[in-house]
Amino acid sequence: MVRILPTLLVLALTVWCLVSLVQAPEGSVRNLPRWAWILLVLFFPLAGGIAYVLAGRPVEGYGPGPRRPRQAPRGPDDDEEFLRGL
């Protein structure tokens, strides 16, 4: 089992990278075109997968534009629209 574990981890990383590449919106993958990342991950599973995670994966929020800071959740008593509807 110990000898199979590294192979399973590399396979899991490869599958995760490919699924992430296919689901990412066009133009959001960084540094290389999507087809180049797919070839890199397929031909060099460990090195390509690590490279994709570090340098190619889309940043949070997918796509260009400034990131908006996350707002803390508000309760209904802080929401003016909710209070007007009562």
Protein backbone atom coordinates (compact mmCIF):
# COMPACT_ATOMS: atom_id res chain seq x y z
CA MET A 1 0.00 0.00 0.00
CA VAL A 2 2.85 2.38 0.80
CA ARG A 3 4.28 1.86 -2.69
CA ILE A 4 0.94 2.67 -4.33
CA LEU A 5 0.30 5.87 -2.35
CA PRO A 6 2.68 8.16 -4.32
CA THR A 7 1.17 6.97 -7.59
CA LEU A 8 -2.34 7.64 -6.32
CA LEU A 9 -1.35 11.11 -5.12
CA VAL A 10 0.16 12.02 -8.49
CA LEU A 11 -2.93 10.66 -10.26
CA ALA A 12 -5.23 12.66 -7.96
CA LEU A 13 -3.19 15.84 -8.57
CA THR A 14 -3.33 15.29 -12.33
CA VAL A 15 -7.08 14.72 -12.36
CA TRP A 16 -7.69 17.73 -10.11
CA CYS A 17 -5.56 19.97 -12.37
CA LEU A 18 -7.32 18.80 -15.51
CA VAL A 19 -10.77 19.33 -14.00
CA SER A 20 -9.72 22.78 -12.79
CA LEU A 21 -8.40 23.65 -16.25
CA VAL A 22 -11.56 22.54 -18.02
CA GLN A 23 -13.85 24.41 -15.62
CA ALA A 24 -11.89 27.68 -15.54
CA PRO A 25 -13.33 30.46 -17.70
CA GLU A 26 -11.44 31.28 -20.88
CA GLY A 27 -8.67 33.80 -20.27
CA SER A 28 -8.51 33.31 -16.52
CA VAL A 29 -5.66 30.76 -16.56
CA ARG A 30 -2.35 32.53 -15.96
CA ASN A 31 1.04 32.51 -17.72
CA LEU A 32 0.27 29.99 -20.50
CA PRO A 33 -2.69 29.21 -22.73
CA ARG A 34 -5.08 26.57 -21.43
CA TRP A 35 -4.04 23.99 -24.06
CA ALA A 36 -0.37 24.35 -23.05
CA TRP A 37 -1.21 23.74 -19.38
CA ILE A 38 -3.23 20.65 -20.32
CA LEU A 39 -0.31 19.24 -22.34
CA LEU A 40 2.13 20.08 -19.54
CA VAL A 41 -0.02 18.34 -16.92
CA LEU A 42 -0.57 15.29 -19.13
CA PHE A 43 3.05 14.80 -20.24
CA PHE A 44 4.70 15.71 -16.92
CA PRO A 45 2.10 14.80 -14.27
CA LEU A 46 3.98 15.69 -11.09
CA ALA A 47 6.01 18.68 -12.31
CA GLY A 48 3.18 19.97 -14.52
CA GLY A 49 0.62 19.67 -11.74
CA ILE A 50 2.81 21.50 -9.24
CA ALA A 51 3.63 24.19 -11.81
CA TYR A 52 -0.07 24.67 -12.60
CA VAL A 53 -1.00 25.01 -8.93
CA LEU A 54 1.78 27.54 -8.30
CA ALA A 55 1.82 29.54 -11.54
CA GLY A 56 -1.21 28.80 -13.68
CA ARG A 57 -4.28 28.40 -11.52
CA PRO A 58 -6.73 31.30 -11.80
CA VAL A 59 -6.77 33.70 -8.90
CA GLU A 60 -9.83 33.91 -6.68
CA GLY A 61 -12.83 35.43 -8.37
CA TYR A 62 -11.78 34.36 -11.92
CA GLY A 63 -11.19 37.09 -14.40
CA PRO A 64 -9.71 40.54 -14.57
CA GLY A 65 -10.69 43.42 -12.39
CA PRO A 66 -10.08 44.53 -8.86
CA ARG A 67 -10.89 42.22 -6.02
CA ARG A 68 -13.61 43.36 -3.72
CA PRO A 69 -12.96 42.88 -0.04
CA ARG A 70 -15.31 40.46 1.60
CA GLN A 71 -17.91 42.07 3.78
CA ALA A 72 -18.81 40.66 7.13
CA PRO A 73 -22.25 39.05 7.22
CA ARG A 74 -24.97 41.40 8.34
CA GLY A 75 -28.00 40.57 10.41
CA PRO A 76 -31.51 41.52 9.29
CA ASP A 77 -31.64 44.39 11.78
CA ASP A 78 -28.63 46.01 10.01
CA ASP A 79 -30.17 45.75 6.55
CA GLU A 80 -32.07 48.94 5.70
CA GLU A 81 -33.96 47.37 2.79
CA PHE A 82 -35.21 44.56 5.00
CA LEU A 83 -36.34 46.99 7.68
CA ARG A 84 -38.21 49.15 5.12
CA GLY A 85 -40.11 46.10 3.97
CA LEU A 86 -41.54 45.39 7.41
